[in-house]
PDB file of all heavy atoms in Angstrom:
ATOM      1  N   CYS A   1      63.925  72.472  -1.333  1.00  0.00           N
ATOM      2  CA  CYS A   1      62.809  72.059  -0.491  1.00  0.00           C
ATOM      3  C   CYS A   1      62.627  70.500  -0.472  1.00  0.00           C
ATOM      4  O   CYS A   1      63.381  69.817  -1.169  1.00  0.00           O
ATOM      5  CB  CYS A   1      61.536  72.654  -0.993  1.00  0.00           C
ATOM      6  SG  CYS A   1      61.087  72.090  -2.635  1.00  0.00           S
ATOM      7  N   GLU A   2      61.647  70.074   0.350  1.00  0.00           N
ATOM      8  CA  GLU A   2      61.506  68.625   0.497  1.00  0.00           C
ATOM      9  C   GLU A   2      60.987  68.017  -0.786  1.00  0.00           C
ATOM     10  O   GLU A   2      61.119  66.780  -1.009  1.00  0.00           O
ATOM     11  CB  GLU A   2      60.559  68.354   1.641  1.00  0.00           C
ATOM     12  CG  GLU A   2      61.099  68.777   2.975  1.00  0.00           C
ATOM     13  CD  GLU A   2      60.146  68.411   4.081  1.00  0.00           C
ATOM     14  OE1 GLU A   2      58.979  67.946   3.793  1.00  0.00           O
ATOM     15  OE2 GLU A   2      60.504  68.687   5.246  1.00  0.00           O
ATOM     16  N   SER A   3      60.370  68.750  -1.642  1.00  0.00           N
ATOM     17  CA  SER A   3      59.888  68.180  -2.926  1.00  0.00           C
ATOM     18  C   SER A   3      61.010  67.926  -3.940  1.00  0.00           C
ATOM     19  O   SER A   3      60.830  67.319  -4.881  1.00  0.00           O
ATOM     20  CB  SER A   3      58.845  69.129  -3.593  1.00  0.00           C
ATOM     21  OG  SER A   3      57.656  69.184  -2.701  1.00  0.00           O
ATOM     22  N   SER A   4      62.109  68.661  -3.702  1.00  0.00           N
ATOM     23  CA  SER A   4      63.231  68.512  -4.559  1.00  0.00           C
ATOM     24  C   SER A   4      63.955  67.190  -4.371  1.00  0.00           C
ATOM     25  O   SER A   4      63.908  66.705  -3.293  1.00  0.00           O
ATOM     26  CB  SER A   4      64.280  69.710  -4.350  1.00  0.00           C
ATOM     27  OG  SER A   4      63.619  70.948  -4.511  1.00  0.00           O
ATOM     28  N   PRO A   5      64.577  66.666  -5.373  1.00  0.00           N
ATOM     29  CA  PRO A   5      65.252  65.317  -5.230  1.00  0.00           C
ATOM     30  C   PRO A   5      66.329  65.419  -4.106  1.00  0.00           C
ATOM     31  O   PRO A   5      66.459  64.409  -3.400  1.00  0.00           O
ATOM     32  CB  PRO A   5      65.865  65.114  -6.578  1.00  0.00           C
ATOM     33  CG  PRO A   5      65.018  65.874  -7.540  1.00  0.00           C
ATOM     34  CD  PRO A   5      64.619  67.133  -6.813  1.00  0.00           C
ATOM     35  N   GLY A   6      67.042  66.525  -3.992  1.00  0.00           N
ATOM     36  CA  GLY A   6      68.098  66.568  -2.989  1.00  0.00           C
ATOM     37  C   GLY A   6      67.680  66.784  -1.556  1.00  0.00           C
ATOM     38  O   GLY A   6      68.307  66.371  -0.617  1.00  0.00           O
ATOM     39  N   ASP A   7      66.534  67.478  -1.356  1.00  0.00           N
ATOM     40  CA  ASP A   7      65.977  67.836  -0.036  1.00  0.00           C
ATOM     41  C   ASP A   7      67.194  68.365   0.874  1.00  0.00           C
ATOM     42  O   ASP A   7      67.284  68.020   1.990  1.00  0.00           O
ATOM     43  CB  ASP A   7      65.378  66.562   0.599  1.00  0.00           C
ATOM     44  CG  ASP A   7      64.611  66.909   1.852  1.00  0.00           C
ATOM     45  OD1 ASP A   7      64.314  68.081   2.127  1.00  0.00           O
ATOM     46  OD2 ASP A   7      64.263  65.954   2.675  1.00  0.00           O
ATOM     47  N   HIS A   8      67.883  69.363   0.296  1.00  0.00           N
ATOM     48  CA  HIS A   8      69.134  69.878   0.995  1.00  0.00           C
ATOM     49  C   HIS A   8      68.800  70.707   2.104  1.00  0.00           C
ATOM     50  O   HIS A   8      69.559  70.846   3.087  1.00  0.00           O
ATOM     51  CB  HIS A   8      70.050  70.535   0.012  1.00  0.00           C
ATOM     52  CG  HIS A   8      70.646  69.589  -0.955  1.00  0.00           C
ATOM     53  ND1 HIS A   8      70.374  69.675  -2.348  1.00  0.00           N
ATOM     54  CD2 HIS A   8      71.430  68.500  -0.831  1.00  0.00           C
ATOM     55  CE1 HIS A   8      71.052  68.700  -2.904  1.00  0.00           C
ATOM     56  NE2 HIS A   8      71.729  67.961  -2.098  1.00  0.00           N
ATOM     57  N   ALA A   9      67.632  71.420   2.184  1.00  0.00           N
ATOM     58  CA  ALA A   9      67.323  72.246   3.380  1.00  0.00           C
ATOM     59  C   ALA A   9      67.148  71.436   4.637  1.00  0.00           C
ATOM     60  O   ALA A   9      67.629  71.782   5.650  1.00  0.00           O
ATOM     61  CB  ALA A   9      65.987  73.040   3.072  1.00  0.00           C
ATOM     62  N   ARG A  10      66.448  70.265   4.508  1.00  0.00           N
ATOM     63  CA  ARG A  10      66.264  69.372   5.617  1.00  0.00           C
ATOM     64  C   ARG A  10      67.608  68.750   6.037  1.00  0.00           C
ATOM     65  O   ARG A  10      67.949  68.608   7.206  1.00  0.00           O
ATOM     66  CB  ARG A  10      65.216  68.317   5.331  1.00  0.00           C
ATOM     67  CG  ARG A  10      65.034  67.267   6.459  1.00  0.00           C
ATOM     68  CD  ARG A  10      63.926  66.341   6.201  1.00  0.00           C
ATOM     69  NE  ARG A  10      62.655  67.026   6.328  1.00  0.00           N
ATOM     70  CZ  ARG A  10      62.024  67.206   7.464  1.00  0.00           C
ATOM     71  NH1 ARG A  10      62.601  66.800   8.620  1.00  0.00           N
ATOM     72  NH2 ARG A  10      60.843  67.808   7.518  1.00  0.00           N
ATOM     73  N   LYS A  11      68.377  68.364   5.060  1.00  0.00           N
ATOM     74  CA  LYS A  11      69.703  67.766   5.355  1.00  0.00           C
ATOM     75  C   LYS A  11      70.574  68.769   6.076  1.00  0.00           C
ATOM     76  O   LYS A  11      71.338  68.378   6.962  1.00  0.00           O
ATOM     77  CB  LYS A  11      70.334  67.292   4.061  1.00  0.00           C
ATOM     78  CG  LYS A  11      69.643  66.033   3.439  1.00  0.00           C
ATOM     79  CD  LYS A  11      70.282  65.637   2.099  1.00  0.00           C
ATOM     80  CE  LYS A  11      69.679  64.464   1.487  1.00  0.00           C
ATOM     81  NZ  LYS A  11      70.236  64.073   0.216  1.00  0.00           N
ATOM     82  N   HIS A  12      70.475  70.000   5.707  1.00  0.00           N
ATOM     83  CA  HIS A  12      71.235  71.032   6.402  1.00  0.00           C
ATOM     84  C   HIS A  12      70.803  71.148   7.846  1.00  0.00           C
ATOM     85  O   HIS A  12      71.617  71.224   8.802  1.00  0.00           O
ATOM     86  CB  HIS A  12      71.108  72.400   5.711  1.00  0.00           C
ATOM     87  CG  HIS A  12      71.703  73.567   6.457  1.00  0.00           C
ATOM     88  ND1 HIS A  12      73.022  73.761   6.449  1.00  0.00           N
ATOM     89  CD2 HIS A  12      71.111  74.520   7.213  1.00  0.00           C
ATOM     90  CE1 HIS A  12      73.331  74.829   7.193  1.00  0.00           C
ATOM     91  NE2 HIS A  12      72.161  75.312   7.663  1.00  0.00           N
ATOM     92  N   PHE A  13      69.528  71.113   8.199  1.00  0.00           N
ATOM     93  CA  PHE A  13      69.013  71.080   9.545  1.00  0.00           C
ATOM     94  C   PHE A  13      69.475  69.850  10.287  1.00  0.00           C
ATOM     95  O   PHE A  13      69.978  69.993  11.429  1.00  0.00           O
ATOM     96  CB  PHE A  13      67.465  71.121   9.532  1.00  0.00           C
ATOM     97  CG  PHE A  13      66.858  70.589  10.780  1.00  0.00           C
ATOM     98  CD1 PHE A  13      67.012  71.234  12.011  1.00  0.00           C
ATOM     99  CD2 PHE A  13      66.187  69.322  10.764  1.00  0.00           C
ATOM    100  CE1 PHE A  13      66.420  70.712  13.173  1.00  0.00           C
ATOM    101  CE2 PHE A  13      65.623  68.781  11.961  1.00  0.00           C
ATOM    102  CZ  PHE A  13      65.787  69.513  13.106  1.00  0.00           C
ATOM    103  N   GLU A  14      69.457  68.663   9.654  1.00  0.00           N
ATOM    104  CA  GLU A  14      69.880  67.469  10.361  1.00  0.00           C
ATOM    105  C   GLU A  14      71.418  67.530  10.607  1.00  0.00           C
ATOM    106  O   GLU A  14      71.849  66.946  11.676  1.00  0.00           O
ATOM    107  CB  GLU A  14      69.554  66.210   9.479  1.00  0.00           C
ATOM    108  CG  GLU A  14      68.035  66.045   9.326  1.00  0.00           C
ATOM    109  CD  GLU A  14      67.702  64.933   8.315  1.00  0.00           C
ATOM    110  OE1 GLU A  14      68.658  64.577   7.541  1.00  0.00           O
ATOM    111  OE2 GLU A  14      66.584  64.534   8.263  1.00  0.00           O
ATOM    112  N   HIS A  15      72.170  68.242   9.794  1.00  0.00           N
ATOM    113  CA  HIS A  15      73.635  68.280  10.044  1.00  0.00           C
ATOM    114  C   HIS A  15      73.995  69.343  11.021  1.00  0.00           C
ATOM    115  O   HIS A  15      74.940  69.144  11.812  1.00  0.00           O
ATOM    116  CB  HIS A  15      74.273  68.544   8.705  1.00  0.00           C
ATOM    117  CG  HIS A  15      75.818  68.760   8.799  1.00  0.00           C
ATOM    118  ND1 HIS A  15      76.581  67.692   9.083  1.00  0.00           N
ATOM    119  CD2 HIS A  15      76.572  69.844   8.626  1.00  0.00           C
ATOM    120  CE1 HIS A  15      77.880  68.137   9.140  1.00  0.00           C
ATOM    121  NE2 HIS A  15      77.856  69.467   8.875  1.00  0.00           N
ATOM    122  N   THR A  16      73.276  70.540  11.064  1.00  0.00           N
ATOM    123  CA  THR A  16      73.688  71.643  11.861  1.00  0.00           C
ATOM    124  C   THR A  16      72.833  71.819  13.048  1.00  0.00           C
ATOM    125  O   THR A  16      73.266  72.473  14.043  1.00  0.00           O
ATOM    126  CB  THR A  16      73.699  72.937  11.030  1.00  0.00           C
ATOM    127  OG1 THR A  16      72.328  73.167  10.580  1.00  0.00           O
ATOM    128  CG2 THR A  16      74.576  72.873   9.807  1.00  0.00           C
ATOM    129  N   GLY A  17      71.595  71.345  12.998  1.00  0.00           N
ATOM    130  CA  GLY A  17      70.629  71.605  14.130  1.00  0.00           C
ATOM    131  C   GLY A  17      69.952  72.963  14.023  1.00  0.00           C
ATOM    132  O   GLY A  17      69.246  73.307  14.994  1.00  0.00           O
ATOM    133  N   HIS A  18      70.206  73.696  13.023  1.00  0.00           N
ATOM    134  CA  HIS A  18      69.529  75.002  12.911  1.00  0.00           C
ATOM    135  C   HIS A  18      68.059  74.806  12.562  1.00  0.00           C
ATOM    136  O   HIS A  18      67.756  74.258  11.552  1.00  0.00           O
ATOM    137  CB  HIS A  18      70.209  75.829  11.677  1.00  0.00           C
ATOM    138  CG  HIS A  18      71.667  76.126  11.986  1.00  0.00           C
ATOM    139  ND1 HIS A  18      72.482  76.607  10.957  1.00  0.00           N
ATOM    140  CD2 HIS A  18      72.450  76.027  13.112  1.00  0.00           C
ATOM    141  CE1 HIS A  18      73.704  76.721  11.476  1.00  0.00           C
ATOM    142  NE2 HIS A  18      73.681  76.473  12.738  1.00  0.00           N
ATOM    143  N   PRO A  19      67.253  75.251  13.493  1.00  0.00           N
ATOM    144  CA  PRO A  19      65.783  74.800  13.421  1.00  0.00           C
ATOM    145  C   PRO A  19      64.911  75.552  12.496  1.00  0.00           C
ATOM    146  O   PRO A  19      63.917  75.034  12.051  1.00  0.00           O
ATOM    147  CB  PRO A  19      65.335  74.968  14.868  1.00  0.00           C
ATOM    148  CG  PRO A  19      66.125  76.146  15.386  1.00  0.00           C
ATOM    149  CD  PRO A  19      67.424  76.053  14.733  1.00  0.00           C
ATOM    150  N   VAL A  20      65.170  76.895  12.173  1.00  0.00           N
ATOM    151  CA  VAL A  20      64.173  77.690  11.435  1.00  0.00           C
ATOM    152  C   VAL A  20      64.735  78.066  10.051  1.00  0.00           C
ATOM    153  O   VAL A  20      65.906  78.417   9.902  1.00  0.00           O
ATOM    154  CB  VAL A  20      63.879  78.924  12.193  1.00  0.00           C
ATOM    155  CG1 VAL A  20      62.883  79.814  11.487  1.00  0.00           C
ATOM    156  CG2 VAL A  20      63.356  78.637  13.619  1.00  0.00           C
ATOM    157  N   MET A  21      63.907  77.831   9.087  1.00  0.00           N
ATOM    158  CA  MET A  21      64.246  78.270   7.723  1.00  0.00           C
ATOM    159  C   MET A  21      62.971  79.056   7.242  1.00  0.00           C
ATOM    160  O   MET A  21      61.952  78.913   7.822  1.00  0.00           O
ATOM    161  CB  MET A  21      64.461  77.025   6.805  1.00  0.00           C
ATOM    162  CG  MET A  21      63.340  76.131   6.548  1.00  0.00           C
ATOM    163  SD  MET A  21      62.262  76.649   5.221  1.00  0.00           S
ATOM    164  CE  MET A  21      61.056  75.260   5.181  1.00  0.00           C
ATOM    165  N   ARG A  22      63.255  79.780   6.164  1.00  0.00           N
ATOM    166  CA  ARG A  22      62.107  80.556   5.522  1.00  0.00           C
ATOM    167  C   ARG A  22      62.138  80.346   4.042  1.00  0.00           C
ATOM    168  O   ARG A  22      63.191  79.850   3.496  1.00  0.00           O
ATOM    169  CB  ARG A  22      62.234  82.040   5.823  1.00  0.00           C
ATOM    170  CG  ARG A  22      63.511  82.706   5.338  1.00  0.00           C
ATOM    171  CD  ARG A  22      63.309  84.266   5.312  1.00  0.00           C
ATOM    172  NE  ARG A  22      62.471  84.632   4.233  1.00  0.00           N
ATOM    173  CZ  ARG A  22      61.996  85.869   4.035  1.00  0.00           C
ATOM    174  NH1 ARG A  22      62.221  86.800   4.943  1.00  0.00           N
ATOM    175  NH2 ARG A  22      61.231  86.207   2.992  1.00  0.00           N
ATOM    176  N   SER A  23      61.036  80.657   3.439  1.00  0.00           N
ATOM    177  CA  SER A  23      60.985  80.501   1.983  1.00  0.00           C
ATOM    178  C   SER A  23      61.952  81.587   1.336  1.00  0.00           C
ATOM    179  O   SER A  23      62.060  82.666   1.808  1.00  0.00           O
ATOM    180  CB  SER A  23      59.586  80.740   1.469  1.00  0.00           C
ATOM    181  OG  SER A  23      59.565  80.801   0.026  1.00  0.00           O
ATOM    182  N   PHE A  24      62.663  81.097   0.335  1.00  0.00           N
ATOM    183  CA  PHE A  24      63.581  81.983  -0.400  1.00  0.00           C
ATOM    184  C   PHE A  24      63.042  82.213  -1.840  1.00  0.00           C
ATOM    185  O   PHE A  24      63.768  82.397  -2.783  1.00  0.00           O
ATOM    186  CB  PHE A  24      64.992  81.329  -0.463  1.00  0.00           C
ATOM    187  CG  PHE A  24      66.082  82.317  -0.742  1.00  0.00           C
ATOM    188  CD1 PHE A  24      66.163  83.522  -0.106  1.00  0.00           C
ATOM    189  CD2 PHE A  24      67.058  82.024  -1.713  1.00  0.00           C
ATOM    190  CE1 PHE A  24      67.109  84.466  -0.411  1.00  0.00           C
ATOM    191  CE2 PHE A  24      68.036  82.918  -2.000  1.00  0.00           C
ATOM    192  CZ  PHE A  24      68.113  84.143  -1.329  1.00  0.00           C
ATOM    193  N   GLU A  25      61.713  82.193  -1.887  1.00  0.00           N
ATOM    194  CA  GLU A  25      61.002  82.535  -3.129  1.00  0.00           C
ATOM    195  C   GLU A  25      60.566  83.963  -3.153  1.00  0.00           C
ATOM    196  O   GLU A  25      60.188  84.471  -2.107  1.00  0.00           O
ATOM    197  CB  GLU A  25      59.853  81.523  -3.332  1.00  0.00           C
ATOM    198  CG  GLU A  25      60.200  80.112  -3.414  1.00  0.00           C
ATOM    199  CD  GLU A  25      60.964  79.810  -4.663  1.00  0.00           C
ATOM    200  OE1 GLU A  25      60.692  80.400  -5.722  1.00  0.00           O
ATOM    201  OE2 GLU A  25      61.884  78.867  -4.589  1.00  0.00           O
ATOM    202  N   PRO A  26      60.594  84.692  -4.293  1.00  0.00           N
ATOM    203  CA  PRO A  26      60.141  86.030  -4.342  1.00  0.00           C
ATOM    204  C   PRO A  26      58.693  86.180  -3.894  1.00  0.00           C
ATOM    205  O   PRO A  26      57.759  85.431  -4.246  1.00  0.00           O
ATOM    206  CB  PRO A  26      60.251  86.435  -5.864  1.00  0.00           C
ATOM    207  CG  PRO A  26      61.262  85.411  -6.399  1.00  0.00           C
ATOM    208  CD  PRO A  26      61.046  84.200  -5.568  1.00  0.00           C
TER     209      PRO A  26
END
């Protein structure tokens, strides 16, 4: 998530353009 140091979910969107994500928490 954006709170994580890597912020990889957003980086994935910026790289692929895939617009929708969902929480992957139980």
